[in-house]
Amino acid sequence: MRIGYGFDLHAFGGLKPLIIGGVNIPNHEGLIAYSNGDVLIHSLIDALLGAVAMGDIGTFFPSSQKEYKNIDSRILLKKIWKKIYLKNYYISNIDITIIAETPKMLSYIFLMKSNLAIDLNTKINNISIKSTTSKQIGCIGRKEGIACQSIVMLLKHK
């Protein structure tokens, strides 16, 4: 069994759409990032890589590479999952917490879980996604951005 943890934080700004967990969420602005800014998927990629001690998202997808500019983070997730799957691992469970004052995430969580289940070739009931606020404290409380934490447990096929 291998456990990994990931964290990501992005500020609001720019003209990109707000995409969380591969879901386009109506909002007055998106998140500032080199890729599409999907804070959930970025934290999940770091958790997956951490579980198998393979580094972090920047190791595989550096912002110095033009090919990753504005890329759909689901593409990055699938690439990382393929590397981990080829090492004979499968997902036991994923637990994700989105931290945002705005927008509200509840109505999008099932779609997010569906996207991840497809991209990671796992059952939807292996994925938990929750959303909370920071109770108006700090940069998230001031509605300056969105953060996300992810924990994964991987098991190895015998």
N, C-alpha and C. Protein backbone atom coordinates (compact mmCIF):
# COMPACT_ATOMS: atom_id res chain seq x y z
N MET A 1 0.85 -1.17 0.00
CA MET A 1 0.00 0.00 0.00
C MET A 1 0.90 1.23 0.00
N ARG A 2 0.53 2.24 -0.80
CA ARG A 2 1.27 3.49 -0.89
C ARG A 2 0.28 4.64 -0.74
N ILE A 3 0.65 5.64 0.05
CA ILE A 3 -0.22 6.79 0.30
C ILE A 3 0.50 8.05 -0.17
N GLY A 4 -0.23 8.93 -0.85
CA GLY A 4 0.33 10.19 -1.30
C GLY A 4 -0.58 11.36 -0.98
N TYR A 5 0.03 12.52 -0.79
CA TYR A 5 -0.69 13.74 -0.47
C TYR A 5 -0.31 14.82 -1.48
N GLY A 6 -1.29 15.60 -1.90
CA GLY A 6 -1.03 16.71 -2.80
C GLY A 6 -1.80 17.94 -2.39
N PHE A 7 -1.20 19.10 -2.67
CA PHE A 7 -1.84 20.38 -2.36
C PHE A 7 -1.59 21.33 -3.53
N ASP A 8 -2.58 22.14 -3.84
CA ASP A 8 -2.38 23.17 -4.85
C ASP A 8 -3.25 24.37 -4.51
N LEU A 9 -2.81 25.54 -4.97
CA LEU A 9 -3.51 26.79 -4.73
C LEU A 9 -3.30 27.69 -5.94
N HIS A 10 -4.38 28.26 -6.45
CA HIS A 10 -4.29 29.19 -7.57
C HIS A 10 -5.13 30.42 -7.27
N ALA A 11 -4.64 31.56 -7.72
CA ALA A 11 -5.36 32.82 -7.55
C ALA A 11 -6.35 33.02 -8.70
N PHE A 12 -7.45 33.69 -8.40
CA PHE A 12 -8.38 34.10 -9.44
C PHE A 12 -7.74 35.16 -10.31
N GLY A 13 -8.13 35.18 -11.59
CA GLY A 13 -7.65 36.22 -12.49
C GLY A 13 -7.63 35.73 -13.92
N GLY A 14 -7.48 36.64 -14.82
CA GLY A 14 -7.36 36.29 -16.23
C GLY A 14 -8.68 35.97 -16.89
N LEU A 15 -8.56 35.53 -18.13
CA LEU A 15 -9.74 35.29 -18.95
C LEU A 15 -10.09 33.82 -19.11
N LYS A 16 -9.30 32.93 -18.54
CA LYS A 16 -9.58 31.49 -18.69
C LYS A 16 -10.88 31.14 -17.98
N PRO A 17 -11.54 30.10 -18.46
CA PRO A 17 -12.72 29.61 -17.72
C PRO A 17 -12.27 28.94 -16.41
N LEU A 18 -13.17 28.88 -15.45
CA LEU A 18 -12.88 28.18 -14.19
C LEU A 18 -13.17 26.71 -14.39
N ILE A 19 -12.12 25.89 -14.31
CA ILE A 19 -12.27 24.45 -14.49
C ILE A 19 -11.73 23.77 -13.24
N ILE A 20 -12.60 22.99 -12.60
CA ILE A 20 -12.23 22.24 -11.39
C ILE A 20 -12.67 20.79 -11.59
N GLY A 21 -11.74 19.87 -11.44
CA GLY A 21 -12.07 18.45 -11.65
C GLY A 21 -12.53 18.16 -13.06
N GLY A 22 -12.05 18.95 -14.01
CA GLY A 22 -12.45 18.77 -15.41
C GLY A 22 -13.82 19.33 -15.74
N VAL A 23 -14.43 20.05 -14.81
CA VAL A 23 -15.77 20.61 -15.01
C VAL A 23 -15.66 22.13 -15.16
N ASN A 24 -16.26 22.65 -16.21
CA ASN A 24 -16.31 24.10 -16.44
C ASN A 24 -17.39 24.67 -15.54
N ILE A 25 -16.98 25.51 -14.58
CA ILE A 25 -17.90 26.06 -13.60
C ILE A 25 -18.11 27.55 -13.88
N PRO A 26 -19.36 27.98 -14.10
CA PRO A 26 -19.61 29.39 -14.37
C PRO A 26 -19.09 30.27 -13.22
N ASN A 27 -18.26 31.25 -13.58
CA ASN A 27 -17.69 32.16 -12.59
C ASN A 27 -17.23 33.42 -13.32
N HIS A 28 -17.08 34.49 -12.60
CA HIS A 28 -16.67 35.76 -13.22
C HIS A 28 -15.22 35.74 -13.70
N GLU A 29 -14.39 34.83 -13.18
CA GLU A 29 -13.02 34.69 -13.68
C GLU A 29 -12.50 33.29 -13.36
N GLY A 30 -11.47 32.90 -14.10
CA GLY A 30 -10.85 31.61 -13.89
C GLY A 30 -9.68 31.72 -12.93
N LEU A 31 -8.77 30.76 -13.01
CA LEU A 31 -7.60 30.74 -12.14
C LEU A 31 -6.34 30.99 -12.95
N ILE A 32 -5.42 31.72 -12.37
CA ILE A 32 -4.15 32.02 -13.03
C ILE A 32 -3.26 30.79 -12.96
N ALA A 33 -2.81 30.32 -14.11
CA ALA A 33 -1.95 29.13 -14.16
C ALA A 33 -1.35 29.01 -15.55
N TYR A 34 -0.29 28.23 -15.65
CA TYR A 34 0.33 27.98 -16.95
C TYR A 34 -0.55 27.05 -17.78
N SER A 35 -1.09 26.01 -17.13
CA SER A 35 -2.02 25.10 -17.81
C SER A 35 -3.42 25.70 -17.72
N ASN A 36 -4.45 24.87 -17.68
CA ASN A 36 -5.80 25.41 -17.55
C ASN A 36 -6.16 25.75 -16.10
N GLY A 37 -5.25 25.50 -15.16
CA GLY A 37 -5.45 25.92 -13.77
C GLY A 37 -6.37 25.04 -12.96
N ASP A 38 -6.55 23.79 -13.33
CA ASP A 38 -7.44 22.89 -12.59
C ASP A 38 -6.77 22.48 -11.28
N VAL A 39 -7.04 23.25 -10.24
CA VAL A 39 -6.40 23.08 -8.94
C VAL A 39 -6.66 21.68 -8.36
N LEU A 40 -7.82 21.12 -8.60
CA LEU A 40 -8.14 19.78 -8.10
C LEU A 40 -7.24 18.73 -8.76
N ILE A 41 -7.17 18.76 -10.05
CA ILE A 41 -6.36 17.77 -10.76
C ILE A 41 -4.88 17.97 -10.46
N HIS A 42 -4.43 19.20 -10.31
CA HIS A 42 -3.02 19.43 -9.97
C HIS A 42 -2.68 18.81 -8.61
N SER A 43 -3.55 19.00 -7.63
CA SER A 43 -3.28 18.41 -6.31
C SER A 43 -3.34 16.89 -6.37
N LEU A 44 -4.24 16.35 -7.19
CA LEU A 44 -4.36 14.91 -7.33
C LEU A 44 -3.12 14.32 -8.02
N ILE A 45 -2.61 14.98 -9.04
CA ILE A 45 -1.40 14.51 -9.70
C ILE A 45 -0.24 14.46 -8.70
N ASP A 46 -0.10 15.51 -7.89
CA ASP A 46 0.97 15.50 -6.88
C ASP A 46 0.78 14.38 -5.87
N ALA A 47 -0.46 14.09 -5.48
CA ALA A 47 -0.71 13.00 -4.54
C ALA A 47 -0.34 11.66 -5.17
N LEU A 48 -0.72 11.45 -6.42
CA LEU A 48 -0.38 10.21 -7.11
C LEU A 48 1.13 10.04 -7.23
N LEU A 49 1.81 11.10 -7.64
CA LEU A 49 3.27 11.04 -7.79
C LEU A 49 3.94 10.84 -6.44
N GLY A 50 3.42 11.48 -5.41
CA GLY A 50 3.98 11.31 -4.07
C GLY A 50 3.84 9.89 -3.56
N ALA A 51 2.73 9.24 -3.88
CA ALA A 51 2.50 7.87 -3.42
C ALA A 51 3.54 6.90 -3.97
N VAL A 52 4.04 7.18 -5.16
CA VAL A 52 5.04 6.28 -5.77
C VAL A 52 6.43 6.92 -5.80
N ALA A 53 6.60 8.02 -5.06
CA ALA A 53 7.89 8.71 -4.92
C ALA A 53 8.51 9.06 -6.26
N MET A 54 7.69 9.68 -7.14
CA MET A 54 8.16 10.04 -8.48
C MET A 54 8.27 11.55 -8.68
N GLY A 55 8.26 12.32 -7.61
CA GLY A 55 8.40 13.77 -7.76
C GLY A 55 7.07 14.49 -7.69
N ASP A 56 6.97 15.57 -8.48
CA ASP A 56 5.75 16.36 -8.47
C ASP A 56 5.36 16.75 -9.90
N ILE A 57 4.28 17.48 -10.01
CA ILE A 57 3.74 17.81 -11.33
C ILE A 57 4.75 18.58 -12.18
N GLY A 58 5.54 19.46 -11.55
CA GLY A 58 6.53 20.23 -12.28
C GLY A 58 7.67 19.39 -12.83
N THR A 59 7.92 18.24 -12.22
CA THR A 59 8.94 17.32 -12.70
C THR A 59 8.61 16.83 -14.11
N PHE A 60 7.34 16.55 -14.34
CA PHE A 60 6.90 15.98 -15.61
C PHE A 60 6.38 17.03 -16.60
N PHE A 61 5.82 18.12 -16.07
CA PHE A 61 5.20 19.12 -16.93
C PHE A 61 5.67 20.52 -16.55
N PRO A 62 6.95 20.83 -16.80
CA PRO A 62 7.48 22.15 -16.40
C PRO A 62 6.86 23.29 -17.21
N SER A 63 6.69 24.42 -16.54
CA SER A 63 6.10 25.58 -17.22
C SER A 63 7.06 26.19 -18.25
N SER A 64 8.28 25.68 -18.29
CA SER A 64 9.22 26.13 -19.33
C SER A 64 8.95 25.49 -20.68
N GLN A 65 8.08 24.49 -20.71
CA GLN A 65 7.76 23.78 -21.95
C GLN A 65 6.48 24.36 -22.56
N LYS A 66 6.58 24.90 -23.77
CA LYS A 66 5.45 25.55 -24.43
C LYS A 66 4.28 24.60 -24.67
N GLU A 67 4.56 23.31 -24.81
CA GLU A 67 3.49 22.34 -25.10
C GLU A 67 2.46 22.24 -23.97
N TYR A 68 2.82 22.70 -22.76
CA TYR A 68 1.91 22.62 -21.62
C TYR A 68 1.13 23.91 -21.38
N LYS A 69 1.39 24.94 -22.17
CA LYS A 69 0.68 26.20 -22.03
C LYS A 69 -0.81 25.99 -22.31
N ASN A 70 -1.65 26.29 -21.34
CA ASN A 70 -3.12 26.19 -21.42
C ASN A 70 -3.62 24.76 -21.65
N ILE A 71 -2.80 23.75 -21.40
CA ILE A 71 -3.22 22.37 -21.64
C ILE A 71 -4.32 21.96 -20.66
N ASP A 72 -5.20 21.11 -21.12
CA ASP A 72 -6.25 20.52 -20.29
C ASP A 72 -5.57 19.62 -19.25
N SER A 73 -5.78 19.90 -17.99
CA SER A 73 -5.11 19.13 -16.92
C SER A 73 -5.53 17.67 -16.90
N ARG A 74 -6.68 17.34 -17.48
CA ARG A 74 -7.07 15.93 -17.55
C ARG A 74 -6.10 15.15 -18.43
N ILE A 75 -5.54 15.78 -19.43
CA ILE A 75 -4.54 15.13 -20.28
C ILE A 75 -3.31 14.80 -19.43
N LEU A 76 -2.90 15.75 -18.60
CA LEU A 76 -1.75 15.52 -17.72
C LEU A 76 -2.03 14.38 -16.74
N LEU A 77 -3.23 14.36 -16.18
CA LEU A 77 -3.60 13.31 -15.24
C LEU A 77 -3.53 11.93 -15.90
N LYS A 78 -4.05 11.83 -17.09
CA LYS A 78 -4.02 10.54 -17.80
C LYS A 78 -2.59 10.09 -18.08
N LYS A 79 -1.71 11.02 -18.43
CA LYS A 79 -0.31 10.67 -18.68
C LYS A 79 0.37 10.15 -17.42
N ILE A 80 0.12 10.82 -16.30
CA ILE A 80 0.72 10.38 -15.03
C ILE A 80 0.13 9.05 -14.60
N TRP A 81 -1.19 8.89 -14.74
CA TRP A 81 -1.80 7.63 -14.33
C TRP A 81 -1.25 6.46 -15.15
N LYS A 82 -1.02 6.66 -16.43
CA LYS A 82 -0.47 5.60 -17.26
C LYS A 82 0.89 5.14 -16.73
N LYS A 83 1.74 6.09 -16.33
CA LYS A 83 3.06 5.74 -15.78
C LYS A 83 2.92 4.93 -14.49
N ILE A 84 1.99 5.33 -13.64
CA ILE A 84 1.80 4.64 -12.36
C ILE A 84 1.16 3.28 -12.57
N TYR A 85 0.19 3.22 -13.46
CA TYR A 85 -0.49 1.95 -13.75
C TYR A 85 0.50 0.92 -14.30
N LEU A 86 1.43 1.38 -15.13
CA LEU A 86 2.44 0.47 -15.69
C LEU A 86 3.40 -0.07 -14.62
N LYS A 87 3.41 0.57 -13.46
CA LYS A 87 4.19 0.06 -12.32
C LYS A 87 3.36 -0.93 -11.50
N ASN A 88 2.19 -1.28 -12.03
CA ASN A 88 1.33 -2.31 -11.46
C ASN A 88 0.50 -1.85 -10.25
N TYR A 89 0.21 -0.54 -10.17
CA TYR A 89 -0.62 -0.03 -9.08
C TYR A 89 -2.05 0.18 -9.55
N TYR A 90 -2.96 0.14 -8.59
CA TYR A 90 -4.34 0.52 -8.85
C TYR A 90 -4.84 1.35 -7.66
N ILE A 91 -5.92 2.06 -7.88
CA ILE A 91 -6.43 2.98 -6.86
C ILE A 91 -7.31 2.24 -5.86
N SER A 92 -6.94 2.37 -4.59
CA SER A 92 -7.80 1.90 -3.52
C SER A 92 -8.85 2.97 -3.22
N ASN A 93 -8.37 4.18 -2.93
CA ASN A 93 -9.31 5.29 -2.75
C ASN A 93 -8.61 6.63 -2.88
N ILE A 94 -9.41 7.65 -3.16
CA ILE A 94 -8.97 9.03 -3.30
C ILE A 94 -9.89 9.87 -2.43
N ASP A 95 -9.30 10.80 -1.68
CA ASP A 95 -10.08 11.72 -0.86
C ASP A 95 -9.59 13.13 -1.16
N ILE A 96 -10.50 13.99 -1.63
CA ILE A 96 -10.15 15.33 -2.08
C ILE A 96 -11.01 16.36 -1.35
N THR A 97 -10.37 17.46 -0.94
CA THR A 97 -11.10 18.58 -0.36
C THR A 97 -10.78 19.84 -1.13
N ILE A 98 -11.81 20.48 -1.67
CA ILE A 98 -11.70 21.77 -2.34
C ILE A 98 -11.97 22.85 -1.29
N ILE A 99 -11.12 23.87 -1.25
CA ILE A 99 -11.29 24.95 -0.28
C ILE A 99 -11.53 26.23 -1.07
N ALA A 100 -12.77 26.73 -0.99
CA ALA A 100 -13.15 27.91 -1.77
C ALA A 100 -14.33 28.61 -1.11
N GLU A 101 -14.28 29.92 -1.07
CA GLU A 101 -15.44 30.69 -0.60
C GLU A 101 -16.48 30.76 -1.71
N THR A 102 -15.98 30.89 -2.93
CA THR A 102 -16.85 31.02 -4.09
C THR A 102 -16.15 30.43 -5.30
N PRO A 103 -16.83 29.87 -6.24
CA PRO A 103 -18.26 29.55 -6.25
C PRO A 103 -18.55 28.29 -5.42
N LYS A 104 -19.79 28.03 -5.20
CA LYS A 104 -20.19 26.83 -4.49
C LYS A 104 -20.00 25.63 -5.40
N MET A 105 -19.48 24.53 -4.87
CA MET A 105 -19.07 23.38 -5.67
C MET A 105 -20.05 22.20 -5.65
N LEU A 106 -20.95 22.17 -4.70
CA LEU A 106 -21.77 20.98 -4.47
C LEU A 106 -22.43 20.42 -5.73
N SER A 107 -23.00 21.25 -6.55
CA SER A 107 -23.72 20.75 -7.72
C SER A 107 -22.80 20.21 -8.82
N TYR A 108 -21.49 20.38 -8.68
CA TYR A 108 -20.54 19.91 -9.69
C TYR A 108 -19.74 18.69 -9.25
N ILE A 109 -19.88 18.30 -8.01
CA ILE A 109 -19.04 17.23 -7.46
C ILE A 109 -19.25 15.89 -8.15
N PHE A 110 -20.48 15.53 -8.46
CA PHE A 110 -20.70 14.25 -9.13
C PHE A 110 -20.00 14.22 -10.49
N LEU A 111 -20.09 15.30 -11.24
CA LEU A 111 -19.40 15.37 -12.54
C LEU A 111 -17.89 15.26 -12.37
N MET A 112 -17.35 15.92 -11.35
CA MET A 112 -15.91 15.83 -11.08
C MET A 112 -15.51 14.38 -10.80
N LYS A 113 -16.28 13.73 -9.94
CA LYS A 113 -15.99 12.32 -9.61
C LYS A 113 -16.08 11.44 -10.85
N SER A 114 -17.06 11.70 -11.68
CA SER A 114 -17.22 10.93 -12.92
C SER A 114 -16.00 11.09 -13.82
N ASN A 115 -15.54 12.34 -13.99
CA ASN A 115 -14.35 12.60 -14.81
C ASN A 115 -13.14 11.84 -14.28
N LEU A 116 -12.92 11.91 -12.97
CA LEU A 116 -11.75 11.24 -12.39
C LEU A 116 -11.86 9.73 -12.52
N ALA A 117 -13.04 9.18 -12.31
CA ALA A 117 -13.23 7.73 -12.43
C ALA A 117 -12.89 7.27 -13.85
N ILE A 118 -13.31 8.03 -14.83
CA ILE A 118 -13.00 7.70 -16.23
C ILE A 118 -11.50 7.81 -16.48
N ASP A 119 -10.91 8.94 -16.09
CA ASP A 119 -9.50 9.19 -16.38
C ASP A 119 -8.56 8.21 -15.67
N LEU A 120 -8.98 7.73 -14.50
CA LEU A 120 -8.13 6.84 -13.69
C LEU A 120 -8.58 5.39 -13.76
N ASN A 121 -9.56 5.12 -14.59
CA ASN A 121 -10.07 3.76 -14.77
C ASN A 121 -10.37 3.08 -13.42
N THR A 122 -11.15 3.78 -12.61
CA THR A 122 -11.53 3.25 -11.31
C THR A 122 -13.02 3.46 -11.10
N LYS A 123 -13.55 2.85 -10.07
CA LYS A 123 -14.97 3.00 -9.76
C LYS A 123 -15.21 4.35 -9.09
N ILE A 124 -16.35 4.93 -9.38
CA ILE A 124 -16.69 6.24 -8.84
C ILE A 124 -16.75 6.20 -7.31
N ASN A 125 -17.11 5.06 -6.74
CA ASN A 125 -17.20 4.98 -5.27
C ASN A 125 -15.82 4.85 -4.61
N ASN A 126 -14.75 4.87 -5.40
CA ASN A 126 -13.39 4.93 -4.84
C ASN A 126 -12.93 6.38 -4.67
N ILE A 127 -13.81 7.32 -5.06
CA ILE A 127 -13.43 8.73 -5.07
C ILE A 127 -14.38 9.53 -4.18
N SER A 128 -13.79 10.29 -3.26
CA SER A 128 -14.55 11.22 -2.43
C SER A 128 -14.07 12.63 -2.74
N ILE A 129 -15.02 13.52 -3.01
CA ILE A 129 -14.70 14.93 -3.20
C ILE A 129 -15.62 15.74 -2.29
N LYS A 130 -15.00 16.59 -1.50
CA LYS A 130 -15.75 17.46 -0.59
C LYS A 130 -15.36 18.90 -0.86
N SER A 131 -16.20 19.82 -0.42
CA SER A 131 -15.89 21.24 -0.57
C SER A 131 -16.15 21.93 0.76
N THR A 132 -15.27 22.86 1.09
CA THR A 132 -15.45 23.64 2.31
C THR A 132 -14.98 25.07 2.04
N THR A 133 -15.22 25.94 2.98
CA THR A 133 -14.71 27.31 2.89
C THR A 133 -13.58 27.46 3.89
N SER A 134 -12.94 28.62 3.87
CA SER A 134 -11.92 28.91 4.88
C SER A 134 -12.48 29.86 5.94
N LYS A 135 -13.79 29.94 6.01
CA LYS A 135 -14.49 30.76 7.00
C LYS A 135 -14.04 32.22 6.95
N GLN A 136 -13.84 32.71 5.72
CA GLN A 136 -13.47 34.10 5.44
C GLN A 136 -12.10 34.49 6.02
N ILE A 137 -11.22 33.48 6.18
CA ILE A 137 -9.88 33.72 6.71
C ILE A 137 -8.87 33.56 5.58
N GLY A 138 -7.89 34.44 5.53
CA GLY A 138 -6.79 34.32 4.58
C GLY A 138 -7.18 34.64 3.14
N CYS A 139 -6.27 34.30 2.22
CA CYS A 139 -6.49 34.65 0.81
C CYS A 139 -7.73 33.96 0.23
N ILE A 140 -8.00 32.75 0.65
CA ILE A 140 -9.21 32.07 0.15
C ILE A 140 -10.45 32.73 0.73
N GLY A 141 -10.39 33.06 2.01
CA GLY A 141 -11.50 33.75 2.66
C GLY A 141 -11.81 35.10 2.03
N ARG A 142 -10.77 35.75 1.50
CA ARG A 142 -10.96 37.03 0.81
C ARG A 142 -11.37 36.83 -0.65
N LYS A 143 -11.62 35.60 -1.04
CA LYS A 143 -12.06 35.23 -2.39
C LYS A 143 -11.00 35.56 -3.44
N GLU A 144 -9.74 35.35 -3.07
CA GLU A 144 -8.63 35.62 -3.98
C GLU A 144 -8.24 34.38 -4.79
N GLY A 145 -8.72 33.20 -4.39
CA GLY A 145 -8.36 31.99 -5.11
C GLY A 145 -9.03 30.76 -4.55
N ILE A 146 -8.55 29.61 -5.01
CA ILE A 146 -9.08 28.30 -4.62
C ILE A 146 -7.89 27.39 -4.31
N ALA A 147 -8.02 26.59 -3.26
CA ALA A 147 -7.01 25.59 -2.91
C ALA A 147 -7.65 24.21 -2.94
N CYS A 148 -6.81 23.21 -3.00
CA CYS A 148 -7.31 21.84 -2.99
C CYS A 148 -6.27 20.93 -2.36
N GLN A 149 -6.75 19.95 -1.59
CA GLN A 149 -5.91 18.92 -0.99
C GLN A 149 -6.39 17.57 -1.47
N SER A 150 -5.45 16.68 -1.77
CA SER A 150 -5.80 15.34 -2.24
C SER A 150 -4.96 14.30 -1.50
N ILE A 151 -5.59 13.21 -1.15
CA ILE A 151 -4.90 12.07 -0.56
C ILE A 151 -5.31 10.84 -1.38
N VAL A 152 -4.33 10.02 -1.71
CA VAL A 152 -4.62 8.78 -2.45
C VAL A 152 -3.98 7.59 -1.75
N MET A 153 -4.64 6.45 -1.87
CA MET A 153 -4.04 5.19 -1.45
C MET A 153 -4.00 4.29 -2.67
N LEU A 154 -2.81 3.84 -3.00
CA LEU A 154 -2.60 2.92 -4.12
C LEU A 154 -2.25 1.55 -3.57
N LEU A 155 -2.72 0.54 -4.26
CA LEU A 155 -2.36 -0.83 -3.94
C LEU A 155 -1.67 -1.43 -5.16
N LYS A 156 -0.84 -2.43 -4.92
CA LYS A 156 -0.10 -3.03 -6.01
C LYS A 156 -0.69 -4.40 -6.32
N HIS A 157 -0.88 -4.66 -7.63
CA HIS A 157 -1.33 -5.97 -8.06
C HIS A 157 -0.25 -6.98 -7.72
N LYS A 158 -0.66 -8.15 -7.32
CA LYS A 158 0.33 -9.20 -6.98
C LYS A 158 0.76 -9.94 -8.21
